[in-house]
Amino acid sequence: MKRVNKSRKSGRNTLLAAAVMGAVAPMVRAGATTGFSQTGAGPYDYNAASNWVGSTINGTWDTSLTLTAAQTVTFAATPATNPILNFNYAGAFNLTLDSSSTTTE
């Protein structure tokens, strides 16, 4: 009967698993790392903190965000701060900003 050194076999399995994960990990893209976090069509409310990474409304559609559909973001109210908007998102979809009230925003 042949004896198998379990620690060496286990080490090979661990190495194989690490190699597979290293090959697959670059294919998995994380969501936005800062700024707006929604990727779909919406509509989404600009002033809803839940639409922003870390609930921080900063006016940025970052390069780490890939839109998966044409997106609409609404302004139901004037933003609490005077936003400087940055549109650097990835994806071949349009982004529409829309005031959902008759008040000048």
PDB file of N, CA and C in Angstrom:
ATOM      1  N   MET A   1       0.838  -1.167   0.000  1.00  0.00           N
ATOM      2  CA  MET A   1       0.000   0.000   0.000  1.00  0.00           C
ATOM      3  C   MET A   1       0.892   1.241   0.000  1.00  0.00           C
ATOM      4  N   LYS A   2       0.578   2.164  -0.863  1.00  0.00           N
ATOM      5  CA  LYS A   2       1.353   3.403  -0.981  1.00  0.00           C
ATOM      6  C   LYS A   2       0.837   4.428   0.023  1.00  0.00           C
ATOM      7  N   ARG A   3       1.755   5.046   0.748  1.00  0.00           N
ATOM      8  CA  ARG A   3       1.367   6.081   1.711  1.00  0.00           C
ATOM      9  C   ARG A   3       1.419   7.441   1.026  1.00  0.00           C
ATOM     10  N   VAL A   4       0.459   8.242   1.307  1.00  0.00           N
ATOM     11  CA  VAL A   4       0.407   9.594   0.749  1.00  0.00           C
ATOM     12  C   VAL A   4       0.649  10.575   1.872  1.00  0.00           C
ATOM     13  N   ASN A   5       1.580  11.448   1.640  1.00  0.00           N
ATOM     14  CA  ASN A   5       1.841  12.497   2.618  1.00  0.00           C
ATOM     15  C   ASN A   5       0.720  13.522   2.483  1.00  0.00           C
ATOM     16  N   LYS A   6      -0.214  13.531   3.436  1.00  0.00           N
ATOM     17  CA  LYS A   6      -1.393  14.395   3.339  1.00  0.00           C
ATOM     18  C   LYS A   6      -1.043  15.869   3.295  1.00  0.00           C
ATOM     19  N   SER A   7      -0.020  16.282   4.006  1.00  0.00           N
ATOM     20  CA  SER A   7       0.318  17.703   4.014  1.00  0.00           C
ATOM     21  C   SER A   7       0.811  18.151   2.650  1.00  0.00           C
ATOM     22  N   ARG A   8       1.548  17.306   1.943  1.00  0.00           N
ATOM     23  CA  ARG A   8       2.027  17.666   0.616  1.00  0.00           C
ATOM     24  C   ARG A   8       0.868  17.668  -0.376  1.00  0.00           C
ATOM     25  N   LYS A   9      -0.041  16.685  -0.287  1.00  0.00           N
ATOM     26  CA  LYS A   9      -1.205  16.640  -1.162  1.00  0.00           C
ATOM     27  C   LYS A   9      -2.097  17.849  -0.914  1.00  0.00           C
ATOM     28  N   SER A  10      -2.312  18.161   0.356  1.00  0.00           N
ATOM     29  CA  SER A  10      -3.118  19.323   0.715  1.00  0.00           C
ATOM     30  C   SER A  10      -2.494  20.605   0.171  1.00  0.00           C
ATOM     31  N   GLY A  11      -1.192  20.694   0.228  1.00  0.00           N
ATOM     32  CA  GLY A  11      -0.493  21.876  -0.284  1.00  0.00           C
ATOM     33  C   GLY A  11      -0.697  22.041  -1.776  1.00  0.00           C
ATOM     34  N   ARG A  12      -0.696  20.923  -2.523  1.00  0.00           N
ATOM     35  CA  ARG A  12      -0.935  20.994  -3.969  1.00  0.00           C
ATOM     36  C   ARG A  12      -2.355  21.448  -4.262  1.00  0.00           C
ATOM     37  N   ASN A  13      -3.324  20.948  -3.488  1.00  0.00           N
ATOM     38  CA  ASN A  13      -4.715  21.371  -3.684  1.00  0.00           C
ATOM     39  C   ASN A  13      -4.876  22.861  -3.401  1.00  0.00           C
ATOM     40  N   THR A  14      -4.226  23.331  -2.364  1.00  0.00           N
ATOM     41  CA  THR A  14      -4.279  24.755  -2.028  1.00  0.00           C
ATOM     42  C   THR A  14      -3.662  25.585  -3.140  1.00  0.00           C
ATOM     43  N   LEU A  15      -2.529  25.114  -3.669  1.00  0.00           N
ATOM     44  CA  LEU A  15      -1.859  25.819  -4.761  1.00  0.00           C
ATOM     45  C   LEU A  15      -2.733  25.846  -6.002  1.00  0.00           C
ATOM     46  N   LEU A  16      -3.391  24.718  -6.317  1.00  0.00           N
ATOM     47  CA  LEU A  16      -4.287  24.656  -7.459  1.00  0.00           C
ATOM     48  C   LEU A  16      -5.457  25.624  -7.283  1.00  0.00           C
ATOM     49  N   ALA A  17      -6.051  25.640  -6.100  1.00  0.00           N
ATOM     50  CA  ALA A  17      -7.168  26.544  -5.826  1.00  0.00           C
ATOM     51  C   ALA A  17      -6.733  28.002  -5.963  1.00  0.00           C
ATOM     52  N   ALA A  18      -5.555  28.331  -5.485  1.00  0.00           N
ATOM     53  CA  ALA A  18      -5.051  29.701  -5.594  1.00  0.00           C
ATOM     54  C   ALA A  18      -4.822  30.074  -7.052  1.00  0.00           C
ATOM     55  N   ALA A  19      -4.320  29.141  -7.856  1.00  0.00           N
ATOM     56  CA  ALA A  19      -4.088  29.418  -9.276  1.00  0.00           C
ATOM     57  C   ALA A  19      -5.400  29.656 -10.006  1.00  0.00           C
ATOM     58  N   VAL A  20      -6.421  28.849  -9.703  1.00  0.00           N
ATOM     59  CA  VAL A  20      -7.729  29.024 -10.335  1.00  0.00           C
ATOM     60  C   VAL A  20      -8.325  30.368  -9.941  1.00  0.00           C
ATOM     61  N   MET A  21      -8.272  30.710  -8.667  1.00  0.00           N
ATOM     62  CA  MET A  21      -8.812  31.989  -8.207  1.00  0.00           C
ATOM     63  C   MET A  21      -8.060  33.155  -8.845  1.00  0.00           C
ATOM     64  N   GLY A  22      -6.776  33.028  -9.009  1.00  0.00           N
ATOM     65  CA  GLY A  22      -5.988  34.082  -9.644  1.00  0.00           C
ATOM     66  C   GLY A  22      -6.395  34.290 -11.082  1.00  0.00           C
ATOM     67  N   ALA A  23      -6.801  33.211 -11.760  1.00  0.00           N
ATOM     68  CA  ALA A  23      -7.231  33.329 -13.149  1.00  0.00           C
ATOM     69  C   ALA A  23      -8.646  33.889 -13.255  1.00  0.00           C
ATOM     70  N   VAL A  24      -9.503  33.571 -12.292  1.00  0.00           N
ATOM     71  CA  VAL A  24     -10.900  33.996 -12.341  1.00  0.00           C
ATOM     72  C   VAL A  24     -11.095  35.388 -11.772  1.00  0.00           C
ATOM     73  N   ALA A  25     -10.364  35.751 -10.753  1.00  0.00           N
ATOM     74  CA  ALA A  25     -10.566  37.029 -10.058  1.00  0.00           C
ATOM     75  C   ALA A  25     -10.534  38.238 -10.980  1.00  0.00           C
ATOM     76  N   PRO A  26      -9.621  38.339 -11.951  1.00  0.00           N
ATOM     77  CA  PRO A  26      -9.635  39.513 -12.810  1.00  0.00           C
ATOM     78  C   PRO A  26     -10.901  39.647 -13.641  1.00  0.00           C
ATOM     79  N   MET A  27     -11.631  38.537 -13.859  1.00  0.00           N
ATOM     80  CA  MET A  27     -12.846  38.598 -14.659  1.00  0.00           C
ATOM     81  C   MET A  27     -14.021  39.135 -13.863  1.00  0.00           C
ATOM     82  N   VAL A  28     -13.958  39.116 -12.553  1.00  0.00           N
ATOM     83  CA  VAL A  28     -15.039  39.581 -11.696  1.00  0.00           C
ATOM     84  C   VAL A  28     -14.785  41.038 -11.356  1.00  0.00           C
ATOM     85  N   ARG A  29     -15.678  41.903 -11.772  1.00  0.00           N
ATOM     86  CA  ARG A  29     -15.509  43.320 -11.519  1.00  0.00           C
ATOM     87  C   ARG A  29     -16.362  43.723 -10.325  1.00  0.00           C
ATOM     88  N   ALA A  30     -15.742  44.375  -9.381  1.00  0.00           N
ATOM     89  CA  ALA A  30     -16.476  44.852  -8.210  1.00  0.00           C
ATOM     90  C   ALA A  30     -17.324  46.048  -8.622  1.00  0.00           C
ATOM     91  N   GLY A  31     -18.276  46.405  -7.789  1.00  0.00           N
ATOM     92  CA  GLY A  31     -19.090  47.576  -8.046  1.00  0.00           C
ATOM     93  C   GLY A  31     -18.286  48.850  -7.858  1.00  0.00           C
ATOM     94  N   ALA A  32     -18.979  49.952  -7.916  1.00  0.00           N
ATOM     95  CA  ALA A  32     -18.322  51.246  -7.755  1.00  0.00           C
ATOM     96  C   ALA A  32     -17.601  51.320  -6.421  1.00  0.00           C
ATOM     97  N   THR A  33     -16.442  51.938  -6.433  1.00  0.00           N
ATOM     98  CA  THR A  33     -15.666  52.084  -5.198  1.00  0.00           C
ATOM     99  C   THR A  33     -15.858  53.449  -4.564  1.00  0.00           C
ATOM    100  N   THR A  34     -16.409  54.382  -5.303  1.00  0.00           N
ATOM    101  CA  THR A  34     -16.744  55.701  -4.781  1.00  0.00           C
ATOM    102  C   THR A  34     -17.850  56.274  -5.650  1.00  0.00           C
ATOM    103  N   GLY A  35     -18.612  57.206  -5.121  1.00  0.00           N
ATOM    104  CA  GLY A  35     -19.638  57.877  -5.912  1.00  0.00           C
ATOM    105  C   GLY A  35     -20.929  57.092  -6.043  1.00  0.00           C
ATOM    106  N   PHE A  36     -21.621  57.346  -7.160  1.00  0.00           N
ATOM    107  CA  PHE A  36     -22.913  56.714  -7.427  1.00  0.00           C
ATOM    108  C   PHE A  36     -22.713  55.216  -7.561  1.00  0.00           C
ATOM    109  N   SER A  37     -23.631  54.422  -6.999  1.00  0.00           N
ATOM    110  CA  SER A  37     -23.421  52.975  -6.972  1.00  0.00           C
ATOM    111  C   SER A  37     -24.388  52.175  -7.836  1.00  0.00           C
ATOM    112  N   GLN A  38     -25.423  52.804  -8.361  1.00  0.00           N
ATOM    113  CA  GLN A  38     -26.427  52.070  -9.136  1.00  0.00           C
ATOM    114  C   GLN A  38     -25.963  51.885 -10.583  1.00  0.00           C
ATOM    115  N   THR A  39     -26.202  50.703 -11.140  1.00  0.00           N
ATOM    116  CA  THR A  39     -25.756  50.419 -12.504  1.00  0.00           C
ATOM    117  C   THR A  39     -26.900  50.297 -13.506  1.00  0.00           C
ATOM    118  N   GLY A  40     -28.120  50.061 -13.025  1.00  0.00           N
ATOM    119  CA  GLY A  40     -29.263  49.810 -13.905  1.00  0.00           C
ATOM    120  C   GLY A  40     -29.958  51.084 -14.368  1.00  0.00           C
ATOM    121  N   ALA A  41     -31.124  50.892 -14.979  1.00  0.00           N
ATOM    122  CA  ALA A  41     -31.846  51.981 -15.626  1.00  0.00           C
ATOM    123  C   ALA A  41     -32.421  53.014 -14.657  1.00  0.00           C
ATOM    124  N   GLY A  42     -32.901  52.593 -13.511  1.00  0.00           N
ATOM    125  CA  GLY A  42     -33.530  53.538 -12.595  1.00  0.00           C
ATOM    126  C   GLY A  42     -34.995  53.714 -12.927  1.00  0.00           C
ATOM    127  N   PRO A  43     -35.601  54.818 -12.569  1.00  0.00           N
ATOM    128  CA  PRO A  43     -34.940  56.047 -12.112  1.00  0.00           C
ATOM    129  C   PRO A  43     -34.479  55.946 -10.659  1.00  0.00           C
ATOM    130  N   TYR A  44     -33.434  56.694 -10.361  1.00  0.00           N
ATOM    131  CA  TYR A  44     -32.865  56.777  -9.024  1.00  0.00           C
ATOM    132  C   TYR A  44     -32.886  58.220  -8.570  1.00  0.00           C
ATOM    133  N   ASP A  45     -33.131  58.441  -7.289  1.00  0.00           N
ATOM    134  CA  ASP A  45     -33.135  59.785  -6.725  1.00  0.00           C
ATOM    135  C   ASP A  45     -31.712  60.183  -6.348  1.00  0.00           C
ATOM    136  N   TYR A  46     -31.233  61.273  -6.922  1.00  0.00           N
ATOM    137  CA  TYR A  46     -29.886  61.772  -6.641  1.00  0.00           C
ATOM    138  C   TYR A  46     -29.674  61.974  -5.144  1.00  0.00           C
ATOM    139  N   ASN A  47     -30.692  62.448  -4.440  1.00  0.00           N
ATOM    140  CA  ASN A  47     -30.567  62.793  -3.022  1.00  0.00           C
ATOM    141  C   ASN A  47     -30.707  61.612  -2.054  1.00  0.00           C
ATOM    142  N   ALA A  48     -30.930  60.410  -2.567  1.00  0.00           N
ATOM    143  CA  ALA A  48     -31.054  59.231  -1.693  1.00  0.00           C
ATOM    144  C   ALA A  48     -29.662  58.676  -1.401  1.00  0.00           C
ATOM    145  N   ALA A  49     -29.260  58.757  -0.147  1.00  0.00           N
ATOM    146  CA  ALA A  49     -27.923  58.292   0.242  1.00  0.00           C
ATOM    147  C   ALA A  49     -27.713  56.823  -0.110  1.00  0.00           C
ATOM    148  N   SER A  50     -28.779  56.034  -0.164  1.00  0.00           N
ATOM    149  CA  SER A  50     -28.655  54.606  -0.481  1.00  0.00           C
ATOM    150  C   SER A  50     -28.178  54.352  -1.914  1.00  0.00           C
ATOM    151  N   ASN A  51     -28.192  55.370  -2.760  1.00  0.00           N
ATOM    152  CA  ASN A  51     -27.713  55.239  -4.138  1.00  0.00           C
ATOM    153  C   ASN A  51     -26.228  55.544  -4.283  1.00  0.00           C
ATOM    154  N   TRP A  52     -25.565  55.806  -3.171  1.00  0.00           N
ATOM    155  CA  TRP A  52     -24.161  56.221  -3.193  1.00  0.00           C
ATOM    156  C   TRP A  52     -23.307  55.290  -2.334  1.00  0.00           C
ATOM    157  N   VAL A  53     -22.083  55.042  -2.777  1.00  0.00           N
ATOM    158  CA  VAL A  53     -21.156  54.204  -2.014  1.00  0.00           C
ATOM    159  C   VAL A  53     -20.931  54.850  -0.651  1.00  0.00           C
ATOM    160  N   GLY A  54     -21.084  54.061   0.405  1.00  0.00           N
ATOM    161  CA  GLY A  54     -20.880  54.554   1.760  1.00  0.00           C
ATOM    162  C   GLY A  54     -21.864  55.637   2.162  1.00  0.00           C
ATOM    163  N   SER A  55     -22.982  55.752   1.438  1.00  0.00           N
ATOM    164  CA  SER A  55     -24.010  56.781   1.687  1.00  0.00           C
ATOM    165  C   SER A  55     -23.456  58.200   1.608  1.00  0.00           C
ATOM    166  N   THR A  56     -22.364  58.375   0.855  1.00  0.00           N
ATOM    167  CA  THR A  56     -21.743  59.688   0.696  1.00  0.00           C
ATOM    168  C   THR A  56     -22.079  60.252  -0.679  1.00  0.00           C
ATOM    169  N   ILE A  57     -22.941  61.252  -0.711  1.00  0.00           N
ATOM    170  CA  ILE A  57     -23.338  61.884  -1.971  1.00  0.00           C
ATOM    171  C   ILE A  57     -22.213  62.841  -2.380  1.00  0.00           C
ATOM    172  N   ASN A  58     -21.497  62.488  -3.461  1.00  0.00           N
ATOM    173  CA  ASN A  58     -20.371  63.324  -3.879  1.00  0.00           C
ATOM    174  C   ASN A  58     -20.422  63.745  -5.341  1.00  0.00           C
ATOM    175  N   GLY A  59     -21.503  63.445  -6.054  1.00  0.00           N
ATOM    176  CA  GLY A  59     -21.654  63.910  -7.424  1.00  0.00           C
ATOM    177  C   GLY A  59     -20.764  63.216  -8.444  1.00  0.00           C
ATOM    178  N   THR A  60     -20.202  62.063  -8.101  1.00  0.00           N
ATOM    179  CA  THR A  60     -19.263  61.392  -9.000  1.00  0.00           C
ATOM    180  C   THR A  60     -19.816  60.074  -9.509  1.00  0.00           C
ATOM    181  N   TRP A  61     -19.768  59.906 -10.812  1.00  0.00           N
ATOM    182  CA  TRP A  61     -20.002  58.625 -11.460  1.00  0.00           C
ATOM    183  C   TRP A  61     -18.603  58.158 -11.845  1.00  0.00           C
ATOM    184  N   ASP A  62     -17.991  57.374 -10.975  1.00  0.00           N
ATOM    185  CA  ASP A  62     -16.578  57.019 -11.044  1.00  0.00           C
ATOM    186  C   ASP A  62     -16.283  55.986 -12.130  1.00  0.00           C
ATOM    187  N   THR A  63     -15.011  55.900 -12.527  1.00  0.00           N
ATOM    188  CA  THR A  63     -14.586  54.915 -13.529  1.00  0.00           C
ATOM    189  C   THR A  63     -14.796  53.483 -13.048  1.00  0.00           C
ATOM    190  N   SER A  64     -14.942  53.274 -11.742  1.00  0.00           N
ATOM    191  CA  SER A  64     -15.197  51.923 -11.216  1.00  0.00           C
ATOM    192  C   SER A  64     -16.662  51.515 -11.380  1.00  0.00           C
ATOM    193  N   LEU A  65     -17.516  52.416 -11.873  1.00  0.00           N
ATOM    194  CA  LEU A  65     -18.938  52.144 -12.089  1.00  0.00           C
ATOM    195  C   LEU A  65     -19.166  51.833 -13.563  1.00  0.00           C
ATOM    196  N   THR A  66     -19.759  50.682 -13.854  1.00  0.00           N
ATOM    197  CA  THR A  66     -20.101  50.327 -15.228  1.00  0.00           C
ATOM    198  C   THR A  66     -21.612  50.272 -15.352  1.00  0.00           C
ATOM    199  N   LEU A  67     -22.184  51.199 -16.123  1.00  0.00           N
ATOM    200  CA  LEU A  67     -23.629  51.196 -16.331  1.00  0.00           C
ATOM    201  C   LEU A  67     -24.010  49.997 -17.192  1.00  0.00           C
ATOM    202  N   THR A  68     -25.125  49.348 -16.839  1.00  0.00           N
ATOM    203  CA  THR A  68     -25.600  48.190 -17.585  1.00  0.00           C
ATOM    204  C   THR A  68     -26.835  48.516 -18.417  1.00  0.00           C
ATOM    205  N   ALA A  69     -27.288  49.765 -18.345  1.00  0.00           N
ATOM    206  CA  ALA A  69     -28.449  50.221 -19.100  1.00  0.00           C
ATOM    207  C   ALA A  69     -28.418  51.745 -19.123  1.00  0.00           C
ATOM    208  N   ALA A  70     -29.187  52.346 -20.049  1.00  0.00           N
ATOM    209  CA  ALA A  70     -29.344  53.799 -20.033  1.00  0.00           C
ATOM    210  C   ALA A  70     -29.966  54.164 -18.689  1.00  0.00           C
ATOM    211  N   GLN A  71     -29.415  55.156 -18.018  1.00  0.00           N
ATOM    212  CA  GLN A  71     -29.798  55.438 -16.638  1.00  0.00           C
ATOM    213  C   GLN A  71     -30.443  56.816 -16.497  1.00  0.00           C
ATOM    214  N   THR A  72     -31.469  56.902 -15.629  1.00  0.00           N
ATOM    215  CA  THR A  72     -32.105  58.167 -15.303  1.00  0.00           C
ATOM    216  C   THR A  72     -31.950  58.424 -13.809  1.00  0.00           C
ATOM    217  N   VAL A  73     -31.443  59.604 -13.490  1.00  0.00           N
ATOM    218  CA  VAL A  73     -31.295  60.036 -12.099  1.00  0.00           C
ATOM    219  C   VAL A  73     -32.113  61.308 -11.953  1.00  0.00           C
ATOM    220  N   THR A  74     -32.980  61.321 -10.937  1.00  0.00           N
ATOM    221  CA  THR A  74     -33.886  62.454 -10.747  1.00  0.00           C
ATOM    222  C   THR A  74     -33.455  63.317  -9.561  1.00  0.00           C
ATOM    223  N   PHE A  75     -33.883  64.556  -9.621  1.00  0.00           N
ATOM    224  CA  PHE A  75     -33.690  65.514  -8.527  1.00  0.00           C
ATOM    225  C   PHE A  75     -35.082  65.884  -8.023  1.00  0.00           C
ATOM    226  N   ALA A  76     -35.534  65.208  -6.970  1.00  0.00           N
ATOM    227  CA  ALA A  76     -36.843  65.505  -6.392  1.00  0.00           C
ATOM    228  C   ALA A  76     -36.788  66.782  -5.566  1.00  0.00           C
ATOM    229  N   ALA A  77     -35.590  67.157  -5.153  1.00  0.00           N
ATOM    230  CA  ALA A  77     -35.373  68.377  -4.365  1.00  0.00           C
ATOM    231  C   ALA A  77     -33.983  68.911  -4.702  1.00  0.00           C
ATOM    232  N   THR A  78     -33.761  70.145  -4.375  1.00  0.00           N
ATOM    233  CA  THR A  78     -32.442  70.739  -4.579  1.00  0.00           C
ATOM    234  C   THR A  78     -31.439  70.011  -3.678  1.00  0.00           C
ATOM    235  N   PRO A  79     -30.292  69.615  -4.230  1.00  0.00           N
ATOM    236  CA  PRO A  79     -29.292  68.937  -3.399  1.00  0.00           C
ATOM    237  C   PRO A  79     -28.882  69.803  -2.209  1.00  0.00           C
ATOM    238  N   ALA A  80     -28.574  69.151  -1.094  1.00  0.00           N
ATOM    239  CA  ALA A  80     -28.187  69.873   0.125  1.00  0.00           C
ATOM    240  C   ALA A  80     -26.917  70.684  -0.087  1.00  0.00           C
ATOM    241  N   THR A  81     -26.038  70.194  -0.937  1.00  0.00           N
ATOM    242  CA  THR A  81     -24.817  70.935  -1.265  1.00  0.00           C
ATOM    243  C   THR A  81     -24.837  71.254  -2.749  1.00  0.00           C
ATOM    244  N   ASN A  82     -24.104  72.252  -3.151  1.00  0.00           N
ATOM    245  CA  ASN A  82     -24.007  72.606  -4.562  1.00  0.00           C
ATOM    246  C   ASN A  82     -23.064  71.608  -5.226  1.00  0.00           C
ATOM    247  N   PRO A  83     -23.618  70.624  -5.932  1.00  0.00           N
ATOM    248  CA  PRO A  83     -22.757  69.556  -6.435  1.00  0.00           C
ATOM    249  C   PRO A  83     -21.923  69.965  -7.648  1.00  0.00           C
ATOM    250  N   ILE A  84     -20.717  69.475  -7.666  1.00  0.00           N
ATOM    251  CA  ILE A  84     -19.894  69.490  -8.864  1.00  0.00           C
ATOM    252  C   ILE A  84     -19.996  68.069  -9.384  1.00  0.00           C
ATOM    253  N   LEU A  85     -20.564  67.901 -10.559  1.00  0.00           N
ATOM    254  CA  LEU A  85     -20.825  66.569 -11.086  1.00  0.00           C
ATOM    255  C   LEU A  85     -19.673  66.105 -11.962  1.00  0.00           C
ATOM    256  N   ASN A  86     -19.237  64.865 -11.742  1.00  0.00           N
ATOM    257  CA  ASN A  86     -18.164  64.244 -12.518  1.00  0.00           C
ATOM    258  C   ASN A  86     -18.699  62.959 -13.129  1.00  0.00           C
ATOM    259  N   PHE A  87     -18.624  62.868 -14.461  1.00  0.00           N
ATOM    260  CA  PHE A  87     -19.145  61.701 -15.168  1.00  0.00           C
ATOM    261  C   PHE A  87     -17.995  60.956 -15.833  1.00  0.00           C
ATOM    262  N   ASN A  88     -17.470  59.962 -15.132  1.00  0.00           N
ATOM    263  CA  ASN A  88     -16.353  59.176 -15.642  1.00  0.00           C
ATOM    264  C   ASN A  88     -16.690  57.698 -15.719  1.00  0.00           C
ATOM    265  N   TYR A  89     -17.966  57.346 -15.656  1.00  0.00           N
ATOM    266  CA  TYR A  89     -18.395  55.954 -15.602  1.00  0.00           C
ATOM    267  C   TYR A  89     -18.033  55.196 -16.877  1.00  0.00           C
ATOM    268  N   ALA A  90     -17.995  53.875 -16.747  1.00  0.00           N
ATOM    269  CA  ALA A  90     -17.755  52.994 -17.888  1.00  0.00           C
ATOM    270  C   ALA A  90     -19.101  52.472 -18.396  1.00  0.00           C
ATOM    271  N   GLY A  91     -19.077  51.912 -19.577  1.00  0.00           N
ATOM    272  CA  GLY A  91     -20.300  51.378 -20.177  1.00  0.00           C
ATOM    273  C   GLY A  91     -20.770  52.289 -21.285  1.00  0.00           C
ATOM    274  N   ALA A  92     -21.394  51.723 -22.281  1.00  0.00           N
ATOM    275  CA  ALA A  92     -21.811  52.477 -23.473  1.00  0.00           C
ATOM    276  C   ALA A  92     -23.280  52.885 -23.378  1.00  0.00           C
ATOM    277  N   PHE A  93     -23.667  53.449 -22.232  1.00  0.00           N
ATOM    278  CA  PHE A  93     -25.058  53.844 -22.032  1.00  0.00           C
ATOM    279  C   PHE A  93     -25.133  55.306 -21.623  1.00  0.00           C
ATOM    280  N   ASN A  94     -26.238  55.944 -22.007  1.00  0.00           N
ATOM    281  CA  ASN A  94     -26.456  57.347 -21.654  1.00  0.00           C
ATOM    282  C   ASN A  94     -26.921  57.487 -20.212  1.00  0.00           C
ATOM    283  N   LEU A  95     -26.657  58.664 -19.662  1.00  0.00           N
ATOM    284  CA  LEU A  95     -27.114  59.025 -18.324  1.00  0.00           C
ATOM    285  C   LEU A  95     -27.956  60.278 -18.473  1.00  0.00           C
ATOM    286  N   THR A  96     -29.204  60.230 -17.970  1.00  0.00           N
ATOM    287  CA  THR A  96     -30.109  61.371 -18.040  1.00  0.00           C
ATOM    288  C   THR A  96     -30.343  61.895 -16.634  1.00  0.00           C
ATOM    289  N   LEU A  97     -30.143  63.194 -16.441  1.00  0.00           N
ATOM    290  CA  LEU A  97     -30.462  63.854 -15.173  1.00  0.00           C
ATOM    291  C   LEU A  97     -31.765  64.605 -15.383  1.00  0.00           C
ATOM    292  N   ASP A  98     -32.711  64.395 -14.481  1.00  0.00           N
ATOM    293  CA  ASP A  98     -34.051  64.925 -14.687  1.00  0.00           C
ATOM    294  C   ASP A  98     -34.590  65.516 -13.389  1.00  0.00           C
ATOM    295  N   SER A  99     -35.067  66.746 -13.458  1.00  0.00           N
ATOM    296  CA  SER A  99     -35.745  67.349 -12.329  1.00  0.00           C
ATOM    297  C   SER A  99     -37.164  66.816 -12.295  1.00  0.00           C
ATOM    298  N   SER A 100     -37.537  66.216 -11.177  1.00  0.00           N
ATOM    299  CA  SER A 100     -38.879  65.648 -11.083  1.00  0.00           C
ATOM    300  C   SER A 100     -39.860  66.619 -10.444  1.00  0.00           C
ATOM    301  N   SER A 101     -39.507  67.910 -10.466  1.00  0.00           N
ATOM    302  CA  SER A 101     -40.434  68.925  -9.964  1.00  0.00           C
ATOM    303  C   SER A 101     -40.438  70.099 -10.947  1.00  0.00           C
ATOM    304  N   THR A 102     -41.366  71.026 -10.747  1.00  0.00           N
ATOM    305  CA  THR A 102     -41.425  72.202 -11.620  1.00  0.00           C
ATOM    306  C   THR A 102     -40.525  73.325 -11.110  1.00  0.00           C
ATOM    307  N   THR A 103     -39.930  73.122  -9.932  1.00  0.00           N
ATOM    308  CA  THR A 103     -39.033  74.111  -9.351  1.00  0.00           C
ATOM    309  C   THR A 103     -37.691  74.051 -10.062  1.00  0.00           C
ATOM    310  N   THR A 104     -37.105  75.204 -10.343  1.00  0.00           N
ATOM    311  CA  THR A 104     -35.786  75.236 -10.961  1.00  0.00           C
ATOM    312  C   THR A 104     -34.787  74.652  -9.985  1.00  0.00           C
ATOM    313  N   GLU A 105     -34.035  73.684 -10.432  1.00  0.00           N
ATOM    314  CA  GLU A 105     -33.050  73.013  -9.561  1.00  0.00           C
ATOM    315  C   GLU A 105     -31.658  73.527  -9.887  1.00  0.00           C
TER     316      GLU A 105
END
